[in-house]
Amino acid sequence: MTPIGTIERKSLLSVVLSDWKAKGVEVRSIRFAPGQETGVHSHPCPVIGYIAEGSAILQVEGQPEQRLEIGQAFYEPADTKILRFDNASSEQPLHFIAMYLMKGDHPLIVMLE
């Protein structure tokens, strides 16, 4: 059988999780309406995500704000304040895939003041 093409592997994100021992992974498809904002929040577990459609603004406490475009991956550390994760567009929807590295039975997101 003749191969159809080559397989391309492109690194999107590399994160060291040190002592984190996940017991499961929860994968969610999340859609935001144009202009939708999350609000300040945290996660009790690390979150790794991928922008599938649109663009987002992410700001982890202590880090500069970053714009994420289609095809980019992101990381939100456990128990860290996420100041922003918002749809960057007031006209286009945002769709991303989030993978929560679960240690047990806990909420995926905790909203903060």
PDB file of N, CA and C in Angstrom:
ATOM      1  N   MET A   1       0.843  -1.169   0.000  1.00  0.00           N
ATOM      2  CA  MET A   1       0.000   0.000   0.000  1.00  0.00           C
ATOM      3  C   MET A   1       0.897   1.242   0.000  1.00  0.00           C
ATOM      4  N   THR A   2       0.614   2.193  -0.837  1.00  0.00           N
ATOM      5  CA  THR A   2       1.396   3.425  -0.945  1.00  0.00           C
ATOM      6  C   THR A   2       0.861   4.461   0.048  1.00  0.00           C
ATOM      7  N   PRO A   3       1.774   5.101   0.824  1.00  0.00           N
ATOM      8  CA  PRO A   3       1.313   6.125   1.768  1.00  0.00           C
ATOM      9  C   PRO A   3       0.715   7.319   1.020  1.00  0.00           C
ATOM     10  N   ILE A   4      -0.337   7.903   1.590  1.00  0.00           N
ATOM     11  CA  ILE A   4      -1.019   9.041   0.979  1.00  0.00           C
ATOM     12  C   ILE A   4      -0.233  10.325   1.195  1.00  0.00           C
ATOM     13  N   GLY A   5       0.377  10.491   2.314  1.00  0.00           N
ATOM     14  CA  GLY A   5       1.133  11.706   2.625  1.00  0.00           C
ATOM     15  C   GLY A   5       1.892  11.516   3.922  1.00  0.00           C
ATOM     16  N   THR A   6       2.648  12.508   4.262  1.00  0.00           N
ATOM     17  CA  THR A   6       3.411  12.422   5.501  1.00  0.00           C
ATOM     18  C   THR A   6       2.566  12.956   6.648  1.00  0.00           C
ATOM     19  N   ILE A   7       2.875  12.499   7.824  1.00  0.00           N
ATOM     20  CA  ILE A   7       2.206  12.968   9.032  1.00  0.00           C
ATOM     21  C   ILE A   7       3.024  14.111   9.588  1.00  0.00           C
ATOM     22  N   GLU A   8       2.361  15.226   9.833  1.00  0.00           N
ATOM     23  CA  GLU A   8       3.038  16.398  10.389  1.00  0.00           C
ATOM     24  C   GLU A   8       2.701  16.516  11.864  1.00  0.00           C
ATOM     25  N   ARG A   9       3.712  16.665  12.685  1.00  0.00           N
ATOM     26  CA  ARG A   9       3.521  16.871  14.123  1.00  0.00           C
ATOM     27  C   ARG A   9       4.118  18.221  14.491  1.00  0.00           C
ATOM     28  N   LYS A  10       3.291  19.094  15.044  1.00  0.00           N
ATOM     29  CA  LYS A  10       3.703  20.452  15.394  1.00  0.00           C
ATOM     30  C   LYS A  10       3.460  20.649  16.882  1.00  0.00           C
ATOM     31  N   SER A  11       4.470  21.072  17.607  1.00  0.00           N
ATOM     32  CA  SER A  11       4.315  21.348  19.031  1.00  0.00           C
ATOM     33  C   SER A  11       3.481  22.612  19.225  1.00  0.00           C
ATOM     34  N   LEU A  12       2.432  22.520  20.041  1.00  0.00           N
ATOM     35  CA  LEU A  12       1.579  23.668  20.327  1.00  0.00           C
ATOM     36  C   LEU A  12       1.797  24.223  21.727  1.00  0.00           C
ATOM     37  N   LEU A  13       2.226  23.367  22.645  1.00  0.00           N
ATOM     38  CA  LEU A  13       2.373  23.785  24.035  1.00  0.00           C
ATOM     39  C   LEU A  13       3.212  22.761  24.768  1.00  0.00           C
ATOM     40  N   SER A  14       4.066  23.240  25.642  1.00  0.00           N
ATOM     41  CA  SER A  14       4.853  22.346  26.484  1.00  0.00           C
ATOM     42  C   SER A  14       4.786  22.878  27.911  1.00  0.00           C
ATOM     43  N   VAL A  15       4.251  22.079  28.825  1.00  0.00           N
ATOM     44  CA  VAL A  15       4.060  22.505  30.211  1.00  0.00           C
ATOM     45  C   VAL A  15       4.576  21.407  31.130  1.00  0.00           C
ATOM     46  N   VAL A  16       5.350  21.795  32.147  1.00  0.00           N
ATOM     47  CA  VAL A  16       5.805  20.848  33.165  1.00  0.00           C
ATOM     48  C   VAL A  16       4.813  20.920  34.315  1.00  0.00           C
ATOM     49  N   LEU A  17       4.244  19.788  34.700  1.00  0.00           N
ATOM     50  CA  LEU A  17       3.248  19.759  35.764  1.00  0.00           C
ATOM     51  C   LEU A  17       3.827  19.293  37.095  1.00  0.00           C
ATOM     52  N   SER A  18       5.100  19.117  37.205  1.00  0.00           N
ATOM     53  CA  SER A  18       5.846  18.688  38.389  1.00  0.00           C
ATOM     54  C   SER A  18       5.161  17.532  39.105  1.00  0.00           C
ATOM     55  N   ASP A  19       4.556  17.767  40.270  1.00  0.00           N
ATOM     56  CA  ASP A  19       4.015  16.686  41.093  1.00  0.00           C
ATOM     57  C   ASP A  19       2.536  16.393  40.848  1.00  0.00           C
ATOM     58  N   TRP A  20       1.936  16.976  39.825  1.00  0.00           N
ATOM     59  CA  TRP A  20       0.509  16.765  39.580  1.00  0.00           C
ATOM     60  C   TRP A  20       0.257  15.343  39.113  1.00  0.00           C
ATOM     61  N   LYS A  21      -0.644  14.664  39.781  1.00  0.00           N
ATOM     62  CA  LYS A  21      -0.988  13.296  39.405  1.00  0.00           C
ATOM     63  C   LYS A  21      -2.475  13.246  39.075  1.00  0.00           C
ATOM     64  N   ALA A  22      -2.772  13.349  37.809  1.00  0.00           N
ATOM     65  CA  ALA A  22      -4.168  13.335  37.367  1.00  0.00           C
ATOM     66  C   ALA A  22      -4.734  11.929  37.470  1.00  0.00           C
ATOM     67  N   LYS A  23      -5.989  11.853  37.911  1.00  0.00           N
ATOM     68  CA  LYS A  23      -6.690  10.571  37.971  1.00  0.00           C
ATOM     69  C   LYS A  23      -7.700  10.452  36.840  1.00  0.00           C
ATOM     70  N   GLY A  24      -7.859  11.558  36.103  1.00  0.00           N
ATOM     71  CA  GLY A  24      -8.791  11.557  34.995  1.00  0.00           C
ATOM     72  C   GLY A  24      -8.692  12.856  34.215  1.00  0.00           C
ATOM     73  N   VAL A  25      -9.292  12.870  33.071  1.00  0.00           N
ATOM     74  CA  VAL A  25      -9.307  14.056  32.216  1.00  0.00           C
ATOM     75  C   VAL A  25     -10.742  14.316  31.800  1.00  0.00           C
ATOM     76  N   GLU A  26     -11.180  15.540  31.969  1.00  0.00           N
ATOM     77  CA  GLU A  26     -12.498  15.989  31.514  1.00  0.00           C
ATOM     78  C   GLU A  26     -12.240  16.902  30.315  1.00  0.00           C
ATOM     79  N   VAL A  27     -12.789  16.576  29.158  1.00  0.00           N
ATOM     80  CA  VAL A  27     -12.594  17.381  27.946  1.00  0.00           C
ATOM     81  C   VAL A  27     -13.925  18.025  27.594  1.00  0.00           C
ATOM     82  N   ARG A  28     -13.897  19.349  27.443  1.00  0.00           N
ATOM     83  CA  ARG A  28     -15.118  20.096  27.156  1.00  0.00           C
ATOM     84  C   ARG A  28     -14.955  20.958  25.909  1.00  0.00           C
ATOM     85  N   SER A  29     -16.011  21.038  25.130  1.00  0.00           N
ATOM     86  CA  SER A  29     -16.118  21.970  24.019  1.00  0.00           C
ATOM     87  C   SER A  29     -16.893  23.168  24.562  1.00  0.00           C
ATOM     88  N   ILE A  30     -16.293  24.362  24.499  1.00  0.00           N
ATOM     89  CA  ILE A  30     -16.889  25.546  25.119  1.00  0.00           C
ATOM     90  C   ILE A  30     -17.042  26.632  24.060  1.00  0.00           C
ATOM     91  N   ARG A  31     -18.224  27.216  24.031  1.00  0.00           N
ATOM     92  CA  ARG A  31     -18.518  28.276  23.053  1.00  0.00           C
ATOM     93  C   ARG A  31     -18.939  29.544  23.786  1.00  0.00           C
ATOM     94  N   PHE A  32     -18.372  30.667  23.344  1.00  0.00           N
ATOM     95  CA  PHE A  32     -18.723  31.986  23.869  1.00  0.00           C
ATOM     96  C   PHE A  32     -19.413  32.775  22.768  1.00  0.00           C
ATOM     97  N   ALA A  33     -20.392  33.549  23.144  1.00  0.00           N
ATOM     98  CA  ALA A  33     -21.028  34.479  22.221  1.00  0.00           C
ATOM     99  C   ALA A  33     -20.075  35.649  21.958  1.00  0.00           C
ATOM    100  N   PRO A  34     -20.281  36.403  20.888  1.00  0.00           N
ATOM    101  CA  PRO A  34     -19.458  37.590  20.648  1.00  0.00           C
ATOM    102  C   PRO A  34     -19.443  38.496  21.884  1.00  0.00           C
ATOM    103  N   GLY A  35     -18.255  38.932  22.269  1.00  0.00           N
ATOM    104  CA  GLY A  35     -18.088  39.839  23.403  1.00  0.00           C
ATOM    105  C   GLY A  35     -18.221  39.213  24.773  1.00  0.00           C
ATOM    106  N   GLN A  36     -18.483  37.915  24.865  1.00  0.00           N
ATOM    107  CA  GLN A  36     -18.698  37.270  26.165  1.00  0.00           C
ATOM    108  C   GLN A  36     -17.410  37.204  26.968  1.00  0.00           C
ATOM    109  N   GLU A  37     -17.535  37.450  28.271  1.00  0.00           N
ATOM    110  CA  GLU A  37     -16.409  37.405  29.206  1.00  0.00           C
ATOM    111  C   GLU A  37     -16.672  36.346  30.271  1.00  0.00           C
ATOM    112  N   THR A  38     -15.608  35.755  30.787  1.00  0.00           N
ATOM    113  CA  THR A  38     -15.757  34.734  31.820  1.00  0.00           C
ATOM    114  C   THR A  38     -15.918  35.345  33.195  1.00  0.00           C
ATOM    115  N   GLY A  39     -15.119  36.336  33.505  1.00  0.00           N
ATOM    116  CA  GLY A  39     -15.030  36.858  34.867  1.00  0.00           C
ATOM    117  C   GLY A  39     -13.829  36.240  35.560  1.00  0.00           C
ATOM    118  N   VAL A  40     -13.414  36.856  36.645  1.00  0.00           N
ATOM    119  CA  VAL A  40     -12.246  36.369  37.396  1.00  0.00           C
ATOM    120  C   VAL A  40     -12.602  35.011  37.988  1.00  0.00           C
ATOM    121  N   HIS A  41     -11.688  34.053  37.801  1.00  0.00           N
ATOM    122  CA  HIS A  41     -11.952  32.688  38.257  1.00  0.00           C
ATOM    123  C   HIS A  41     -10.656  31.942  38.500  1.00  0.00           C
ATOM    124  N   SER A  42     -10.773  30.726  38.988  1.00  0.00           N
ATOM    125  CA  SER A  42      -9.637  29.803  39.121  1.00  0.00           C
ATOM    126  C   SER A  42     -10.147  28.402  38.825  1.00  0.00           C
ATOM    127  N   HIS A  43      -9.208  27.491  38.728  1.00  0.00           N
ATOM    128  CA  HIS A  43      -9.540  26.079  38.513  1.00  0.00           C
ATOM    129  C   HIS A  43      -8.801  25.262  39.573  1.00  0.00           C
ATOM    130  N   PRO A  44      -9.428  24.249  40.169  1.00  0.00           N
ATOM    131  CA  PRO A  44      -8.743  23.413  41.141  1.00  0.00           C
ATOM    132  C   PRO A  44      -7.796  22.394  40.494  1.00  0.00           C
ATOM    133  N   CYS A  45      -7.695  22.444  39.173  1.00  0.00           N
ATOM    134  CA  CYS A  45      -6.808  21.540  38.446  1.00  0.00           C
ATOM    135  C   CYS A  45      -6.208  22.299  37.260  1.00  0.00           C
ATOM    136  N   PRO A  46      -5.100  21.832  36.714  1.00  0.00           N
ATOM    137  CA  PRO A  46      -4.559  22.468  35.511  1.00  0.00           C
ATOM    138  C   PRO A  46      -5.533  22.317  34.344  1.00  0.00           C
ATOM    139  N   VAL A  47      -5.570  23.336  33.504  1.00  0.00           N
ATOM    140  CA  VAL A  47      -6.415  23.317  32.305  1.00  0.00           C
ATOM    141  C   VAL A  47      -5.527  23.584  31.094  1.00  0.00           C
ATOM    142  N   ILE A  48      -5.639  22.716  30.105  1.00  0.00           N
ATOM    143  CA  ILE A  48      -4.935  22.888  28.841  1.00  0.00           C
ATOM    144  C   ILE A  48      -6.008  23.036  27.779  1.00  0.00           C
ATOM    145  N   GLY A  49      -5.850  24.019  26.905  1.00  0.00           N
ATOM    146  CA  GLY A  49      -6.890  24.262  25.928  1.00  0.00           C
ATOM    147  C   GLY A  49      -6.359  24.575  24.554  1.00  0.00           C
ATOM    148  N   TYR A  50      -7.288  24.620  23.608  1.00  0.00           N
ATOM    149  CA  TYR A  50      -6.972  24.829  22.196  1.00  0.00           C
ATOM    150  C   TYR A  50      -8.070  25.690  21.586  1.00  0.00           C
ATOM    151  N   ILE A  51      -7.693  26.761  20.914  1.00  0.00           N
ATOM    152  CA  ILE A  51      -8.657  27.650  20.270  1.00  0.00           C
ATOM    153  C   ILE A  51      -9.050  27.041  18.922  1.00  0.00           C
ATOM    154  N   ALA A  52     -10.320  26.673  18.786  1.00  0.00           N
ATOM    155  CA  ALA A  52     -10.821  26.038  17.566  1.00  0.00           C
ATOM    156  C   ALA A  52     -11.444  27.042  16.601  1.00  0.00           C
ATOM    157  N   GLU A  53     -11.990  28.135  17.148  1.00  0.00           N
ATOM    158  CA  GLU A  53     -12.648  29.148  16.315  1.00  0.00           C
ATOM    159  C   GLU A  53     -12.612  30.480  17.065  1.00  0.00           C
ATOM    160  N   GLY A  54     -12.346  31.562  16.357  1.00  0.00           N
ATOM    161  CA  GLY A  54     -12.337  32.882  16.966  1.00  0.00           C
ATOM    162  C   GLY A  54     -11.011  33.180  17.647  1.00  0.00           C
ATOM    163  N   SER A  55     -11.047  34.103  18.596  1.00  0.00           N
ATOM    164  CA  SER A  55      -9.848  34.471  19.347  1.00  0.00           C
ATOM    165  C   SER A  55     -10.247  34.845  20.767  1.00  0.00           C
ATOM    166  N   ALA A  56      -9.312  34.691  21.687  1.00  0.00           N
ATOM    167  CA  ALA A  56      -9.568  34.929  23.104  1.00  0.00           C
ATOM    168  C   ALA A  56      -8.488  35.834  23.680  1.00  0.00           C
ATOM    169  N   ILE A  57      -8.815  36.457  24.796  1.00  0.00           N
ATOM    170  CA  ILE A  57      -7.849  37.201  25.594  1.00  0.00           C
ATOM    171  C   ILE A  57      -7.710  36.446  26.909  1.00  0.00           C
ATOM    172  N   LEU A  58      -6.483  36.045  27.230  1.00  0.00           N
ATOM    173  CA  LEU A  58      -6.195  35.315  28.464  1.00  0.00           C
ATOM    174  C   LEU A  58      -5.213  36.126  29.292  1.00  0.00           C
ATOM    175  N   GLN A  59      -5.519  36.258  30.590  1.00  0.00           N
ATOM    176  CA  GLN A  59      -4.544  36.849  31.507  1.00  0.00           C
ATOM    177  C   GLN A  59      -4.555  36.078  32.807  1.00  0.00           C
ATOM    178  N   VAL A  60      -3.426  35.432  33.083  1.00  0.00           N
ATOM    179  CA  VAL A  60      -3.199  34.711  34.327  1.00  0.00           C
ATOM    180  C   VAL A  60      -2.546  35.707  35.283  1.00  0.00           C
ATOM    181  N   GLU A  61      -2.963  35.707  36.534  1.00  0.00           N
ATOM    182  CA  GLU A  61      -2.407  36.653  37.506  1.00  0.00           C
ATOM    183  C   GLU A  61      -0.881  36.603  37.507  1.00  0.00           C
ATOM    184  N   GLY A  62      -0.259  37.777  37.456  1.00  0.00           N
ATOM    185  CA  GLY A  62       1.200  37.883  37.461  1.00  0.00           C
ATOM    186  C   GLY A  62       1.826  37.778  36.084  1.00  0.00           C
ATOM    187  N   GLN A  63       1.012  37.559  35.055  1.00  0.00           N
ATOM    188  CA  GLN A  63       1.517  37.447  33.688  1.00  0.00           C
ATOM    189  C   GLN A  63       0.838  38.486  32.803  1.00  0.00           C
ATOM    190  N   PRO A  64       1.490  38.865  31.701  1.00  0.00           N
ATOM    191  CA  PRO A  64       0.843  39.829  30.794  1.00  0.00           C
ATOM    192  C   PRO A  64      -0.344  39.194  30.070  1.00  0.00           C
ATOM    193  N   GLU A  65      -1.255  40.037  29.670  1.00  0.00           N
ATOM    194  CA  GLU A  65      -2.402  39.614  28.868  1.00  0.00           C
ATOM    195  C   GLU A  65      -1.893  39.058  27.541  1.00  0.00           C
ATOM    196  N   GLN A  66      -2.529  38.010  27.034  1.00  0.00           N
ATOM    197  CA  GLN A  66      -2.137  37.463  25.734  1.00  0.00           C
ATOM    198  C   GLN A  66      -3.361  37.190  24.876  1.00  0.00           C
ATOM    199  N   ARG A  67      -3.213  37.400  23.593  1.00  0.00           N
ATOM    200  CA  ARG A  67      -4.285  37.126  22.641  1.00  0.00           C
ATOM    201  C   ARG A  67      -4.027  35.753  22.042  1.00  0.00           C
ATOM    202  N   LEU A  68      -5.049  34.907  22.034  1.00  0.00           N
ATOM    203  CA  LEU A  68      -4.945  33.556  21.499  1.00  0.00           C
ATOM    204  C   LEU A  68      -5.790  33.466  20.239  1.00  0.00           C
ATOM    205  N   GLU A  69      -5.189  32.994  19.163  1.00  0.00           N
ATOM    206  CA  GLU A  69      -5.859  32.882  17.872  1.00  0.00           C
ATOM    207  C   GLU A  69      -6.142  31.412  17.553  1.00  0.00           C
ATOM    208  N   ILE A  70      -6.933  31.176  16.518  1.00  0.00           N
ATOM    209  CA  ILE A  70      -7.240  29.811  16.075  1.00  0.00           C
ATOM    210  C   ILE A  70      -5.947  29.001  15.947  1.00  0.00           C
ATOM    211  N   GLY A  71      -5.969  27.794  16.487  1.00  0.00           N
ATOM    212  CA  GLY A  71      -4.822  26.900  16.383  1.00  0.00           C
ATOM    213  C   GLY A  71      -3.824  27.042  17.518  1.00  0.00           C
ATOM    214  N   GLN A  72      -3.991  28.019  18.401  1.00  0.00           N
ATOM    215  CA  GLN A  72      -3.057  28.182  19.518  1.00  0.00           C
ATOM    216  C   GLN A  72      -3.558  27.419  20.740  1.00  0.00           C
ATOM    217  N   ALA A  73      -2.627  26.941  21.528  1.00  0.00           N
ATOM    218  CA  ALA A  73      -2.931  26.237  22.767  1.00  0.00           C
ATOM    219  C   ALA A  73      -2.625  27.151  23.947  1.00  0.00           C
ATOM    220  N   PHE A  74      -3.266  26.860  25.086  1.00  0.00           N
ATOM    221  CA  PHE A  74      -3.036  27.674  26.277  1.00  0.00           C
ATOM    222  C   PHE A  74      -3.038  26.781  27.515  1.00  0.00           C
ATOM    223  N   TYR A  75      -2.528  27.349  28.613  1.00  0.00           N
ATOM    224  CA  TYR A  75      -2.427  26.637  29.880  1.00  0.00           C
ATOM    225  C   TYR A  75      -2.880  27.561  31.003  1.00  0.00           C
ATOM    226  N   GLU A  76      -3.752  27.050  31.848  1.00  0.00           N
ATOM    227  CA  GLU A  76      -4.167  27.749  33.053  1.00  0.00           C
ATOM    228  C   GLU A  76      -3.780  26.877  34.247  1.00  0.00           C
ATOM    229  N   PRO A  77      -2.837  27.343  35.084  1.00  0.00           N
ATOM    230  CA  PRO A  77      -2.386  26.525  36.212  1.00  0.00           C
ATOM    231  C   PRO A  77      -3.476  26.355  37.274  1.00  0.00           C
ATOM    232  N   ALA A  78      -3.378  25.282  38.025  1.00  0.00           N
ATOM    233  CA  ALA A  78      -4.322  25.005  39.110  1.00  0.00           C
ATOM    234  C   ALA A  78      -4.197  26.057  40.201  1.00  0.00           C
ATOM    235  N   ASP A  79      -5.343  26.373  40.819  1.00  0.00           N
ATOM    236  CA  ASP A  79      -5.394  27.255  41.983  1.00  0.00           C
ATOM    237  C   ASP A  79      -4.697  28.596  41.758  1.00  0.00           C
ATOM    238  N   THR A  80      -4.821  29.123  40.565  1.00  0.00           N
ATOM    239  CA  THR A  80      -4.234  30.406  40.193  1.00  0.00           C
ATOM    240  C   THR A  80      -5.346  31.295  39.659  1.00  0.00           C
ATOM    241  N   LYS A  81      -5.325  32.571  40.057  1.00  0.00           N
ATOM    242  CA  LYS A  81      -6.370  33.495  39.623  1.00  0.00           C
ATOM    243  C   LYS A  81      -6.226  33.784  38.130  1.00  0.00           C
ATOM    244  N   ILE A  82      -7.293  33.544  37.395  1.00  0.00           N
ATOM    245  CA  ILE A  82      -7.359  33.877  35.972  1.00  0.00           C
ATOM    246  C   ILE A  82      -8.137  35.194  35.896  1.00  0.00           C
ATOM    247  N   LEU A  83      -7.436  36.265  35.567  1.00  0.00           N
ATOM    248  CA  LEU A  83      -8.052  37.587  35.546  1.00  0.00           C
ATOM    249  C   LEU A  83      -8.977  37.776  34.357  1.00  0.00           C
ATOM    250  N   ARG A  84      -8.593  37.166  33.227  1.00  0.00           N
ATOM    251  CA  ARG A  84      -9.419  37.272  32.016  1.00  0.00           C
ATOM    252  C   ARG A  84      -9.321  35.993  31.202  1.00  0.00           C
ATOM    253  N   PHE A  85     -10.432  35.536  30.705  1.00  0.00           N
ATOM    254  CA  PHE A  85     -10.500  34.608  29.587  1.00  0.00           C
ATOM    255  C   PHE A  85     -11.768  34.999  28.862  1.00  0.00           C
ATOM    256  N   ASP A  86     -11.608  35.853  27.870  1.00  0.00           N
ATOM    257  CA  ASP A  86     -12.735  36.511  27.221  1.00  0.00           C
ATOM    258  C   ASP A  86     -12.687  36.313  25.719  1.00  0.00           C
ATOM    259  N   ASN A  87     -13.847  36.382  25.091  1.00  0.00           N
ATOM    260  CA  ASN A  87     -13.903  36.419  23.631  1.00  0.00           C
ATOM    261  C   ASN A  87     -13.311  37.757  23.210  1.00  0.00           C
ATOM    262  N   ALA A  88     -12.309  37.736  22.364  1.00  0.00           N
ATOM    263  CA  ALA A  88     -11.636  38.960  21.926  1.00  0.00           C
ATOM    264  C   ALA A  88     -12.449  39.749  20.918  1.00  0.00           C
ATOM    265  N   SER A  89     -13.487  39.142  20.366  1.00  0.00           N
ATOM    266  CA  SER A  89     -14.276  39.785  19.324  1.00  0.00           C
ATOM    267  C   SER A  89     -15.686  40.121  19.814  1.00  0.00           C
ATOM    268  N   SER A  90     -16.147  41.294  19.442  1.00  0.00           N
ATOM    269  CA  SER A  90     -17.524  41.675  19.749  1.00  0.00           C
ATOM    270  C   SER A  90     -18.477  41.247  18.627  1.00  0.00           C
ATOM    271  N   GLU A  91     -17.909  40.629  17.572  1.00  0.00           N
ATOM    272  CA  GLU A  91     -18.715  40.250  16.411  1.00  0.00           C
ATOM    273  C   GLU A  91     -18.712  38.752  16.103  1.00  0.00           C
ATOM    274  N   GLN A  92     -17.646  38.048  16.477  1.00  0.00           N
ATOM    275  CA  GLN A  92     -17.502  36.632  16.139  1.00  0.00           C
ATOM    276  C   GLN A  92     -17.569  35.764  17.395  1.00  0.00           C
ATOM    277  N   PRO A  93     -18.102  34.550  17.280  1.00  0.00           N
ATOM    278  CA  PRO A  93     -18.104  33.640  18.431  1.00  0.00           C
ATOM    279  C   PRO A  93     -16.692  33.091  18.702  1.00  0.00           C
ATOM    280  N   LEU A  94     -16.533  32.542  19.879  1.00  0.00           N
ATOM    281  CA  LEU A  94     -15.293  31.872  20.283  1.00  0.00           C
ATOM    282  C   LEU A  94     -15.641  30.426  20.600  1.00  0.00           C
ATOM    283  N   HIS A  95     -14.838  29.495  20.100  1.00  0.00           N
ATOM    284  CA  HIS A  95     -15.008  28.077  20.410  1.00  0.00           C
ATOM    285  C   HIS A  95     -13.638  27.540  20.786  1.00  0.00           C
ATOM    286  N   PHE A  96     -13.552  26.928  21.969  1.00  0.00           N
ATOM    287  CA  PHE A  96     -12.280  26.312  22.374  1.00  0.00           C
ATOM    288  C   PHE A  96     -12.549  24.975  23.033  1.00  0.00           C
ATOM    289  N   ILE A  97     -11.519  24.145  23.052  1.00  0.00           N
ATOM    290  CA  ILE A  97     -11.551  22.841  23.700  1.00  0.00           C
ATOM    291  C   ILE A  97     -10.705  22.957  24.960  1.00  0.00           C
ATOM    292  N   ALA A  98     -11.273  22.584  26.106  1.00  0.00           N
ATOM    293  CA  ALA A  98     -10.553  22.641  27.376  1.00  0.00           C
ATOM    294  C   ALA A  98     -10.424  21.240  27.951  1.00  0.00           C
ATOM    295  N   MET A  99      -9.224  20.909  28.404  1.00  0.00           N
ATOM    296  CA  MET A  99      -8.930  19.620  29.019  1.00  0.00           C
ATOM    297  C   MET A  99      -8.538  19.852  30.472  1.00  0.00           C
ATOM    298  N   TYR A 100      -9.368  19.363  31.380  1.00  0.00           N
ATOM    299  CA  TYR A 100      -9.164  19.548  32.812  1.00  0.00           C
ATOM    300  C   TYR A 100      -8.491  18.291  33.355  1.00  0.00           C
ATOM    301  N   LEU A 101      -7.317  18.435  33.947  1.00  0.00           N
ATOM    302  CA  LEU A 101      -6.554  17.292  34.461  1.00  0.00           C
ATOM    303  C   LEU A 101      -6.977  17.042  35.910  1.00  0.00           C
ATOM    304  N   MET A 102      -7.970  16.209  36.086  1.00  0.00           N
ATOM    305  CA  MET A 102      -8.656  16.015  37.361  1.00  0.00           C
ATOM    306  C   MET A 102      -7.885  15.120  38.332  1.00  0.00           C
ATOM    307  N   LYS A 103      -7.888  15.520  39.619  1.00  0.00           N
ATOM    308  CA  LYS A 103      -7.337  14.683  40.683  1.00  0.00           C
ATOM    309  C   LYS A 103      -8.436  13.887  41.369  1.00  0.00           C
ATOM    310  N   GLY A 104      -9.662  14.296  41.182  1.00  0.00           N
ATOM    311  CA  GLY A 104     -10.793  13.637  41.830  1.00  0.00           C
ATOM    312  C   GLY A 104     -12.071  14.340  41.439  1.00  0.00           C
ATOM    313  N   ASP A 105     -13.046  14.255  42.306  1.00  0.00           N
ATOM    314  CA  ASP A 105     -14.343  14.868  42.052  1.00  0.00           C
ATOM    315  C   ASP A 105     -14.331  16.292  42.599  1.00  0.00           C
ATOM    316  N   HIS A 106     -14.214  17.267  41.732  1.00  0.00           N
ATOM    317  CA  HIS A 106     -14.207  18.674  42.131  1.00  0.00           C
ATOM    318  C   HIS A 106     -14.779  19.514  40.992  1.00  0.00           C
ATOM    319  N   PRO A 107     -15.171  20.756  41.300  1.00  0.00           N
ATOM    320  CA  PRO A 107     -15.715  21.603  40.233  1.00  0.00           C
ATOM    321  C   PRO A 107     -14.636  21.914  39.199  1.00  0.00           C
ATOM    322  N   LEU A 108     -15.067  22.217  37.997  1.00  0.00           N
ATOM    323  CA  LEU A 108     -14.112  22.570  36.947  1.00  0.00           C
ATOM    324  C   LEU A 108     -13.674  24.022  37.051  1.00  0.00           C
ATOM    325  N   ILE A 109     -14.535  24.889  37.577  1.00  0.00           N
ATOM    326  CA  ILE A 109     -14.236  26.312  37.671  1.00  0.00           C
ATOM    327  C   ILE A 109     -14.799  26.869  38.979  1.00  0.00           C
ATOM    328  N   VAL A 110     -14.075  27.827  39.558  1.00  0.00           N
ATOM    329  CA  VAL A 110     -14.515  28.519  40.762  1.00  0.00           C
ATOM    330  C   VAL A 110     -14.511  30.013  40.446  1.00  0.00           C
ATOM    331  N   MET A 111     -15.689  30.630  40.471  1.00  0.00           N
ATOM    332  CA  MET A 111     -15.789  32.061  40.185  1.00  0.00           C
ATOM    333  C   MET A 111     -15.325  32.852  41.412  1.00  0.00           C
ATOM    334  N   LEU A 112     -14.545  33.905  41.162  1.00  0.00           N
ATOM    335  CA  LEU A 112     -13.977  34.728  42.231  1.00  0.00           C
ATOM    336  C   LEU A 112     -14.493  36.159  42.111  1.00  0.00           C
ATOM    337  N   GLU A 113     -14.375  36.911  43.180  1.00  0.00           N
ATOM    338  CA  GLU A 113     -14.772  38.335  43.156  1.00  0.00           C
ATOM    339  C   GLU A 113     -13.753  39.158  42.426  1.00  0.00           C
TER     340      GLU A 113
END
